[in-house]
N, C-alpha and C. Protein backbone atom coordinates (compact mmCIF):
# COMPACT_ATOMS: atom_id res chain seq x y z
N MET A 1 18.18 -14.41 21.31
CA MET A 1 18.73 -15.74 21.46
C MET A 1 20.02 -15.89 20.66
N ALA A 2 20.02 -15.32 19.43
CA ALA A 2 21.21 -15.43 18.59
C ALA A 2 22.39 -14.70 19.24
N ARG A 3 22.13 -13.53 19.80
CA ARG A 3 23.20 -12.76 20.45
C ARG A 3 23.77 -13.52 21.64
N GLN A 4 22.90 -14.10 22.44
CA GLN A 4 23.34 -14.86 23.61
C GLN A 4 24.17 -16.07 23.18
N ALA A 5 23.74 -16.76 22.15
CA ALA A 5 24.48 -17.92 21.67
C ALA A 5 25.85 -17.51 21.15
N ARG A 6 25.93 -16.39 20.42
CA ARG A 6 27.22 -15.90 19.94
C ARG A 6 28.13 -15.54 21.10
N MET A 7 27.57 -14.92 22.12
CA MET A 7 28.38 -14.53 23.29
C MET A 7 28.92 -15.77 24.01
N ARG A 8 28.23 -16.88 23.87
CA ARG A 8 28.68 -18.13 24.50
C ARG A 8 29.63 -18.92 23.60
N GLY A 9 29.96 -18.36 22.45
CA GLY A 9 30.95 -18.99 21.57
C GLY A 9 30.39 -19.87 20.48
N TYR A 10 29.07 -19.95 20.37
CA TYR A 10 28.47 -20.77 19.32
C TYR A 10 28.50 -20.03 17.99
N ASP A 11 28.60 -20.79 16.91
CA ASP A 11 28.46 -20.22 15.57
C ASP A 11 26.98 -20.13 15.26
N VAL A 12 26.52 -18.94 14.93
CA VAL A 12 25.10 -18.72 14.69
C VAL A 12 24.91 -18.11 13.32
N LEU A 13 24.07 -18.74 12.51
CA LEU A 13 23.70 -18.17 11.23
C LEU A 13 22.42 -17.37 11.45
N HIS A 14 22.54 -16.09 11.40
CA HIS A 14 21.41 -15.19 11.63
C HIS A 14 21.25 -14.36 10.37
N ARG A 15 20.64 -14.94 9.36
CA ARG A 15 20.54 -14.31 8.07
C ARG A 15 19.31 -13.41 8.01
N MET A 16 19.29 -12.57 7.00
CA MET A 16 18.20 -11.63 6.83
C MET A 16 17.90 -11.51 5.34
N GLY A 17 16.64 -11.41 5.00
CA GLY A 17 16.27 -11.25 3.61
C GLY A 17 15.19 -10.20 3.45
N PHE A 18 15.06 -9.70 2.23
CA PHE A 18 14.07 -8.70 1.90
C PHE A 18 13.18 -9.22 0.80
N ASP A 19 11.88 -9.12 0.99
CA ASP A 19 10.92 -9.55 -0.02
C ASP A 19 10.40 -8.30 -0.71
N ALA A 20 10.74 -8.13 -1.97
CA ALA A 20 10.42 -6.89 -2.67
C ALA A 20 9.49 -7.07 -3.85
N PHE A 21 8.95 -8.26 -4.04
CA PHE A 21 8.04 -8.46 -5.15
C PHE A 21 6.62 -8.13 -4.74
N GLY A 22 5.79 -7.86 -5.71
CA GLY A 22 4.38 -7.72 -5.44
C GLY A 22 3.83 -6.34 -5.68
N LEU A 23 2.54 -6.26 -5.50
CA LEU A 23 1.80 -5.03 -5.76
C LEU A 23 2.23 -3.86 -4.89
N PRO A 24 2.50 -4.04 -3.58
CA PRO A 24 2.94 -2.89 -2.79
C PRO A 24 4.21 -2.23 -3.32
N ALA A 25 5.16 -3.02 -3.78
CA ALA A 25 6.40 -2.47 -4.34
C ALA A 25 6.11 -1.71 -5.63
N GLU A 26 5.25 -2.28 -6.46
CA GLU A 26 4.90 -1.61 -7.71
C GLU A 26 4.14 -0.31 -7.46
N ASN A 27 3.21 -0.32 -6.52
CA ASN A 27 2.45 0.89 -6.20
C ASN A 27 3.35 1.97 -5.63
N ALA A 28 4.29 1.61 -4.78
CA ALA A 28 5.23 2.59 -4.22
C ALA A 28 6.09 3.20 -5.31
N ALA A 29 6.51 2.39 -6.26
CA ALA A 29 7.32 2.90 -7.37
C ALA A 29 6.51 3.88 -8.23
N ILE A 30 5.26 3.55 -8.48
CA ILE A 30 4.40 4.46 -9.24
C ILE A 30 4.22 5.77 -8.48
N LYS A 31 3.99 5.67 -7.18
CA LYS A 31 3.79 6.86 -6.35
C LYS A 31 5.02 7.77 -6.37
N HIS A 32 6.22 7.17 -6.38
CA HIS A 32 7.46 7.95 -6.35
C HIS A 32 8.04 8.19 -7.75
N ASN A 33 7.27 7.79 -8.78
CA ASN A 33 7.66 8.02 -10.17
C ASN A 33 9.06 7.47 -10.48
N THR A 34 9.28 6.22 -10.11
CA THR A 34 10.57 5.58 -10.36
C THR A 34 10.34 4.10 -10.65
N GLN A 35 11.40 3.38 -10.92
CA GLN A 35 11.30 1.94 -11.14
C GLN A 35 11.29 1.21 -9.80
N ALA A 36 10.56 0.12 -9.73
CA ALA A 36 10.47 -0.65 -8.49
C ALA A 36 11.84 -1.15 -8.04
N LYS A 37 12.66 -1.58 -9.00
CA LYS A 37 13.98 -2.08 -8.65
C LYS A 37 14.85 -0.99 -8.02
N ARG A 38 14.79 0.21 -8.58
CA ARG A 38 15.59 1.33 -8.05
C ARG A 38 15.10 1.73 -6.66
N LEU A 39 13.78 1.82 -6.48
CA LEU A 39 13.23 2.18 -5.19
C LEU A 39 13.57 1.13 -4.14
N ASP A 40 13.49 -0.14 -4.53
CA ASP A 40 13.82 -1.22 -3.61
C ASP A 40 15.28 -1.14 -3.17
N ALA A 41 16.19 -0.85 -4.10
CA ALA A 41 17.61 -0.76 -3.75
C ALA A 41 17.84 0.35 -2.73
N GLN A 42 17.18 1.49 -2.91
CA GLN A 42 17.32 2.60 -1.97
C GLN A 42 16.80 2.21 -0.59
N GLU A 43 15.63 1.61 -0.55
CA GLU A 43 15.03 1.23 0.73
C GLU A 43 15.84 0.12 1.41
N HIS A 44 16.37 -0.80 0.61
CA HIS A 44 17.20 -1.87 1.15
C HIS A 44 18.45 -1.29 1.82
N ASP A 45 19.13 -0.38 1.13
CA ASP A 45 20.33 0.24 1.69
C ASP A 45 20.03 0.97 2.99
N GLN A 46 18.91 1.70 3.01
CA GLN A 46 18.54 2.44 4.22
C GLN A 46 18.22 1.48 5.37
N ALA A 47 17.53 0.40 5.08
CA ALA A 47 17.18 -0.58 6.11
C ALA A 47 18.43 -1.22 6.69
N VAL A 48 19.40 -1.55 5.84
CA VAL A 48 20.64 -2.17 6.33
C VAL A 48 21.41 -1.19 7.21
N LYS A 49 21.49 0.08 6.80
CA LYS A 49 22.17 1.09 7.63
C LYS A 49 21.51 1.20 8.99
N THR A 50 20.19 1.20 9.01
CA THR A 50 19.45 1.29 10.27
C THR A 50 19.71 0.08 11.14
N MET A 51 19.68 -1.11 10.55
CA MET A 51 19.92 -2.34 11.33
C MET A 51 21.33 -2.37 11.90
N ARG A 52 22.30 -1.90 11.13
CA ARG A 52 23.68 -1.86 11.63
C ARG A 52 23.79 -0.89 12.80
N ARG A 53 23.15 0.30 12.67
CA ARG A 53 23.18 1.27 13.76
C ARG A 53 22.54 0.74 15.02
N MET A 54 21.49 -0.05 14.86
CA MET A 54 20.79 -0.60 16.01
C MET A 54 21.52 -1.80 16.61
N GLY A 55 22.56 -2.28 15.93
CA GLY A 55 23.36 -3.36 16.47
C GLY A 55 22.78 -4.74 16.28
N PHE A 56 21.90 -4.90 15.30
CA PHE A 56 21.34 -6.23 15.04
C PHE A 56 22.46 -7.18 14.63
N SER A 57 22.36 -8.42 15.05
CA SER A 57 23.44 -9.38 14.82
C SER A 57 23.20 -10.24 13.58
N TYR A 58 22.70 -9.64 12.52
CA TYR A 58 22.50 -10.39 11.29
C TYR A 58 23.84 -10.65 10.62
N ASP A 59 23.88 -11.70 9.79
CA ASP A 59 25.06 -11.98 8.99
C ASP A 59 24.88 -11.20 7.69
N TYR A 60 25.46 -10.00 7.64
CA TYR A 60 25.24 -9.10 6.52
C TYR A 60 25.85 -9.63 5.22
N ASP A 61 26.76 -10.58 5.30
CA ASP A 61 27.34 -11.17 4.09
C ASP A 61 26.40 -12.16 3.42
N ARG A 62 25.38 -12.58 4.14
CA ARG A 62 24.45 -13.57 3.61
C ARG A 62 23.05 -13.02 3.37
N MET A 63 22.94 -11.72 3.30
CA MET A 63 21.63 -11.12 3.03
C MET A 63 21.21 -11.42 1.61
N PHE A 64 19.90 -11.50 1.40
CA PHE A 64 19.39 -11.73 0.06
C PHE A 64 18.18 -10.84 -0.17
N ASN A 65 17.87 -10.67 -1.43
CA ASN A 65 16.74 -9.84 -1.82
C ASN A 65 15.99 -10.61 -2.90
N THR A 66 14.69 -10.79 -2.72
CA THR A 66 13.93 -11.63 -3.64
C THR A 66 13.82 -11.05 -5.04
N CYS A 67 14.12 -9.77 -5.24
CA CYS A 67 14.05 -9.22 -6.60
C CYS A 67 15.42 -9.25 -7.29
N ASP A 68 16.39 -9.88 -6.66
CA ASP A 68 17.71 -10.04 -7.27
C ASP A 68 17.66 -11.24 -8.23
N PRO A 69 18.02 -11.06 -9.49
CA PRO A 69 17.96 -12.17 -10.45
C PRO A 69 18.75 -13.40 -10.01
N GLU A 70 19.82 -13.23 -9.29
CA GLU A 70 20.58 -14.38 -8.80
C GLU A 70 19.79 -15.18 -7.76
N TYR A 71 18.81 -14.56 -7.14
CA TYR A 71 17.97 -15.26 -6.16
C TYR A 71 16.81 -15.99 -6.85
N TYR A 72 16.06 -15.28 -7.70
CA TYR A 72 14.84 -15.88 -8.23
C TYR A 72 15.05 -16.76 -9.46
N ARG A 73 16.23 -16.73 -10.05
CA ARG A 73 16.42 -17.52 -11.27
C ARG A 73 16.25 -19.02 -11.02
N TRP A 74 16.67 -19.51 -9.84
CA TRP A 74 16.58 -20.94 -9.58
C TRP A 74 15.15 -21.36 -9.28
N GLY A 75 14.38 -20.51 -8.64
CA GLY A 75 12.97 -20.82 -8.44
C GLY A 75 12.22 -20.89 -9.75
N GLN A 76 12.53 -19.95 -10.64
CA GLN A 76 11.90 -19.97 -11.97
C GLN A 76 12.31 -21.21 -12.75
N TRP A 77 13.59 -21.57 -12.67
CA TRP A 77 14.09 -22.75 -13.37
C TRP A 77 13.36 -24.01 -12.88
N MET A 78 13.18 -24.11 -11.55
CA MET A 78 12.53 -25.28 -10.97
C MET A 78 11.08 -25.39 -11.47
N PHE A 79 10.35 -24.27 -11.51
CA PHE A 79 8.97 -24.33 -11.97
C PHE A 79 8.88 -24.64 -13.46
N ILE A 80 9.83 -24.19 -14.24
CA ILE A 80 9.86 -24.54 -15.67
C ILE A 80 10.05 -26.04 -15.82
N LYS A 81 10.98 -26.60 -15.05
CA LYS A 81 11.22 -28.05 -15.12
C LYS A 81 10.00 -28.85 -14.67
N MET A 82 9.32 -28.38 -13.63
CA MET A 82 8.12 -29.09 -13.17
C MET A 82 7.02 -29.01 -14.22
N GLY A 83 6.94 -27.90 -14.93
CA GLY A 83 5.93 -27.73 -15.97
C GLY A 83 6.17 -28.61 -17.17
N GLU A 84 7.43 -29.00 -17.39
CA GLU A 84 7.75 -29.86 -18.53
C GLU A 84 7.22 -31.27 -18.31
N GLY A 85 7.01 -31.66 -17.07
CA GLY A 85 6.48 -32.97 -16.76
C GLY A 85 7.56 -34.04 -16.83
N PRO A 86 7.16 -35.27 -16.49
CA PRO A 86 8.15 -36.37 -16.50
C PRO A 86 8.56 -36.73 -17.93
N ARG A 87 9.78 -37.17 -18.03
CA ARG A 87 10.28 -37.63 -19.34
C ARG A 87 9.87 -39.08 -19.54
N VAL A 88 9.24 -39.33 -20.66
CA VAL A 88 8.80 -40.69 -20.98
C VAL A 88 9.65 -41.20 -22.12
N SER A 89 10.25 -42.37 -21.91
CA SER A 89 11.12 -42.95 -22.94
C SER A 89 10.37 -43.91 -23.80
């Protein structure tokens, strides 16, 4: 649908993200005797190369990765603020 809309001249935001947190990522890193962050970066790069070769119409400038500190810092900040509770004067 995104490809067809682009061909018709519409601006389409077709973003892509990678979720790299959790036990599967940690177990894979242990299995390969490396850090989860390093293994994730390698797999991310390979996945992007494959998607480009296949001609997927993602907006590669807007890709995100959930283990990137610039991504998760705001979610953490929000939960810290919610945990502080309302301010009572």
